[in-house]
N, C-alpha and C. Protein backbone atom coordinates (compact mmCIF):
# COMPACT_ATOMS: atom_id res chain seq x y z
N MET A 1 34.70 138.82 76.32
CA MET A 1 35.08 140.22 76.38
C MET A 1 36.56 140.35 76.75
N ILE A 2 36.98 139.63 77.78
CA ILE A 2 38.38 139.68 78.19
C ILE A 2 39.27 139.11 77.10
N GLU A 3 38.80 138.07 76.42
CA GLU A 3 39.57 137.48 75.33
C GLU A 3 39.75 138.48 74.19
N SER A 4 38.71 139.24 73.88
CA SER A 4 38.80 140.24 72.82
C SER A 4 39.79 141.34 73.18
N ILE A 5 39.80 141.75 74.43
CA ILE A 5 40.74 142.77 74.87
C ILE A 5 42.17 142.25 74.80
N ALA A 6 42.39 141.02 75.23
CA ALA A 6 43.74 140.44 75.21
C ALA A 6 44.25 140.30 73.77
N ILE A 7 43.39 139.87 72.87
CA ILE A 7 43.79 139.74 71.47
C ILE A 7 44.09 141.11 70.88
N ALA A 8 43.28 142.10 71.19
CA ALA A 8 43.50 143.45 70.68
C ALA A 8 44.82 144.01 71.18
N ILE A 9 45.15 143.76 72.44
CA ILE A 9 46.44 144.23 72.98
C ILE A 9 47.59 143.53 72.27
N GLY A 10 47.46 142.23 72.06
CA GLY A 10 48.50 141.49 71.34
C GLY A 10 48.69 141.99 69.93
N VAL A 11 47.60 142.25 69.23
CA VAL A 11 47.69 142.78 67.87
C VAL A 11 48.36 144.15 67.88
N GLY A 12 47.98 145.00 68.80
CA GLY A 12 48.56 146.34 68.88
C GLY A 12 50.06 146.31 69.14
N VAL A 13 50.49 145.46 70.04
CA VAL A 13 51.92 145.35 70.34
C VAL A 13 52.68 144.80 69.15
N LEU A 14 52.15 143.79 68.51
CA LEU A 14 52.83 143.21 67.34
C LEU A 14 52.92 144.21 66.18
N VAL A 15 51.87 144.95 65.94
CA VAL A 15 51.91 145.95 64.86
C VAL A 15 52.89 147.07 65.21
N GLY A 16 52.91 147.49 66.46
CA GLY A 16 53.86 148.52 66.89
C GLY A 16 55.30 148.07 66.73
N LEU A 17 55.60 146.88 67.19
CA LEU A 17 56.97 146.37 67.07
C LEU A 17 57.38 146.16 65.61
N ALA A 18 56.46 145.65 64.81
CA ALA A 18 56.76 145.45 63.39
C ALA A 18 56.99 146.79 62.70
N SER A 19 56.24 147.81 63.06
CA SER A 19 56.42 149.13 62.46
C SER A 19 57.77 149.73 62.83
N VAL A 20 58.18 149.56 64.07
CA VAL A 20 59.50 150.05 64.49
C VAL A 20 60.59 149.32 63.72
N PHE A 21 60.49 148.02 63.62
CA PHE A 21 61.51 147.22 62.94
C PHE A 21 61.60 147.58 61.46
N ILE A 22 60.47 147.64 60.78
CA ILE A 22 60.46 147.96 59.36
C ILE A 22 60.92 149.40 59.14
N GLY A 23 60.50 150.31 60.02
CA GLY A 23 60.93 151.70 59.91
C GLY A 23 62.44 151.84 60.02
N ARG A 24 63.03 151.14 60.96
CA ARG A 24 64.50 151.21 61.10
C ARG A 24 65.22 150.60 59.92
N MET A 25 64.66 149.53 59.37
CA MET A 25 65.27 148.93 58.17
C MET A 25 65.20 149.89 57.00
N LEU A 26 64.08 150.56 56.82
CA LEU A 26 63.94 151.51 55.72
C LEU A 26 64.86 152.71 55.88
N LYS A 27 65.02 153.18 57.13
CA LYS A 27 65.92 154.31 57.36
C LYS A 27 67.36 153.93 57.08
N ALA A 28 67.71 152.69 57.34
CA ALA A 28 69.08 152.23 57.11
C ALA A 28 69.37 151.98 55.64
N ALA A 29 68.34 151.94 54.81
CA ALA A 29 68.54 151.67 53.38
C ALA A 29 69.31 152.79 52.70
N GLY A 30 69.13 154.01 53.15
CA GLY A 30 69.88 155.12 52.59
C GLY A 30 69.23 155.78 51.38
N VAL A 31 68.10 155.28 50.93
CA VAL A 31 67.39 155.88 49.81
C VAL A 31 66.42 156.93 50.37
N PRO A 32 66.46 158.17 49.86
CA PRO A 32 65.64 159.23 50.48
C PRO A 32 64.15 158.91 50.64
N PRO A 33 63.43 158.37 49.63
CA PRO A 33 62.01 158.06 49.89
C PRO A 33 61.83 156.98 50.95
N ALA A 34 62.71 156.00 50.95
CA ALA A 34 62.62 154.94 51.96
C ALA A 34 62.93 155.49 53.35
N GLU A 35 63.87 156.43 53.43
CA GLU A 35 64.19 157.04 54.72
C GLU A 35 62.99 157.82 55.26
N ALA A 36 62.28 158.51 54.37
CA ALA A 36 61.09 159.26 54.79
C ALA A 36 60.00 158.32 55.29
N ALA A 37 59.77 157.24 54.54
CA ALA A 37 58.76 156.26 54.97
C ALA A 37 59.17 155.59 56.27
N GLY A 38 60.45 155.28 56.41
CA GLY A 38 60.94 154.66 57.64
C GLY A 38 60.81 155.59 58.84
N GLY A 39 61.10 156.86 58.61
CA GLY A 39 60.94 157.84 59.69
C GLY A 39 59.50 157.95 60.14
N PHE A 40 58.58 157.94 59.16
CA PHE A 40 57.16 157.98 59.50
C PHE A 40 56.76 156.76 60.31
N LEU A 41 57.16 155.58 59.83
CA LEU A 41 56.78 154.35 60.54
C LEU A 41 57.36 154.32 61.94
N GLU A 42 58.61 154.74 62.07
CA GLU A 42 59.24 154.70 63.39
C GLU A 42 58.61 155.72 64.34
N GLN A 43 58.24 156.89 63.81
CA GLN A 43 57.66 157.93 64.66
C GLN A 43 56.24 157.58 65.10
N PHE A 44 55.47 156.98 64.21
CA PHE A 44 54.07 156.72 64.51
C PHE A 44 53.78 155.24 64.73
N ALA A 45 54.79 154.46 65.09
CA ALA A 45 54.62 153.01 65.24
C ALA A 45 53.57 152.68 66.30
N TRP A 46 53.64 153.31 67.44
CA TRP A 46 52.71 152.94 68.51
C TRP A 46 51.33 153.50 68.27
N ALA A 47 51.22 154.60 67.54
CA ALA A 47 49.90 155.09 67.15
C ALA A 47 49.25 154.11 66.17
N LEU A 48 50.04 153.59 65.23
CA LEU A 48 49.53 152.59 64.30
C LEU A 48 49.12 151.32 65.05
N GLY A 49 49.91 150.93 66.05
CA GLY A 49 49.57 149.77 66.86
C GLY A 49 48.28 149.97 67.63
N PHE A 50 48.09 151.18 68.15
CA PHE A 50 46.86 151.49 68.88
C PHE A 50 45.65 151.42 67.96
N VAL A 51 45.79 151.97 66.75
CA VAL A 51 44.70 151.92 65.78
C VAL A 51 44.39 150.47 65.40
N ALA A 52 45.43 149.66 65.21
CA ALA A 52 45.22 148.25 64.88
C ALA A 52 44.52 147.53 66.03
N ALA A 53 44.88 147.85 67.26
CA ALA A 53 44.23 147.23 68.42
C ALA A 53 42.75 147.63 68.49
N LEU A 54 42.47 148.89 68.26
CA LEU A 54 41.07 149.32 68.25
C LEU A 54 40.29 148.63 67.15
N TRP A 55 40.91 148.51 65.98
CA TRP A 55 40.24 147.84 64.85
C TRP A 55 39.95 146.37 65.20
N ALA A 56 40.95 145.70 65.78
CA ALA A 56 40.77 144.29 66.13
C ALA A 56 39.68 144.12 67.19
N PHE A 57 39.63 145.04 68.14
CA PHE A 57 38.61 144.94 69.19
C PHE A 57 37.22 145.26 68.64
N ALA A 58 37.12 146.31 67.83
CA ALA A 58 35.81 146.75 67.35
C ALA A 58 35.19 145.76 66.36
N THR A 59 36.02 145.13 65.55
CA THR A 59 35.48 144.21 64.54
C THR A 59 35.43 142.77 65.02
N GLY A 60 36.11 142.47 66.13
CA GLY A 60 36.13 141.10 66.62
C GLY A 60 37.05 140.19 65.82
N TRP A 61 38.03 140.80 65.14
CA TRP A 61 38.96 140.06 64.29
C TRP A 61 39.82 139.14 65.14
N ARG A 62 39.97 137.90 64.73
CA ARG A 62 40.76 136.89 65.44
C ARG A 62 41.90 136.40 64.55
N PRO A 63 43.10 136.95 64.67
CA PRO A 63 44.19 136.51 63.80
C PRO A 63 44.80 135.19 64.21
N PHE A 64 44.51 134.72 65.42
CA PHE A 64 45.17 133.51 65.93
C PHE A 64 44.22 132.34 65.88
């Protein structure tokens, strides 16, 4: 149980950080559709990370 929680937290943090990084790269591209997608990713990065953590915990997914 503790292992599942730790893995879910790790997955959530990694997805959140990746979303922020990719979002900032897309915003810097200067293309309007990419800027919109980057803004979305950057704004909702931690919500996406939380959803990924819940998914990993609920399904028992082990990425490592």
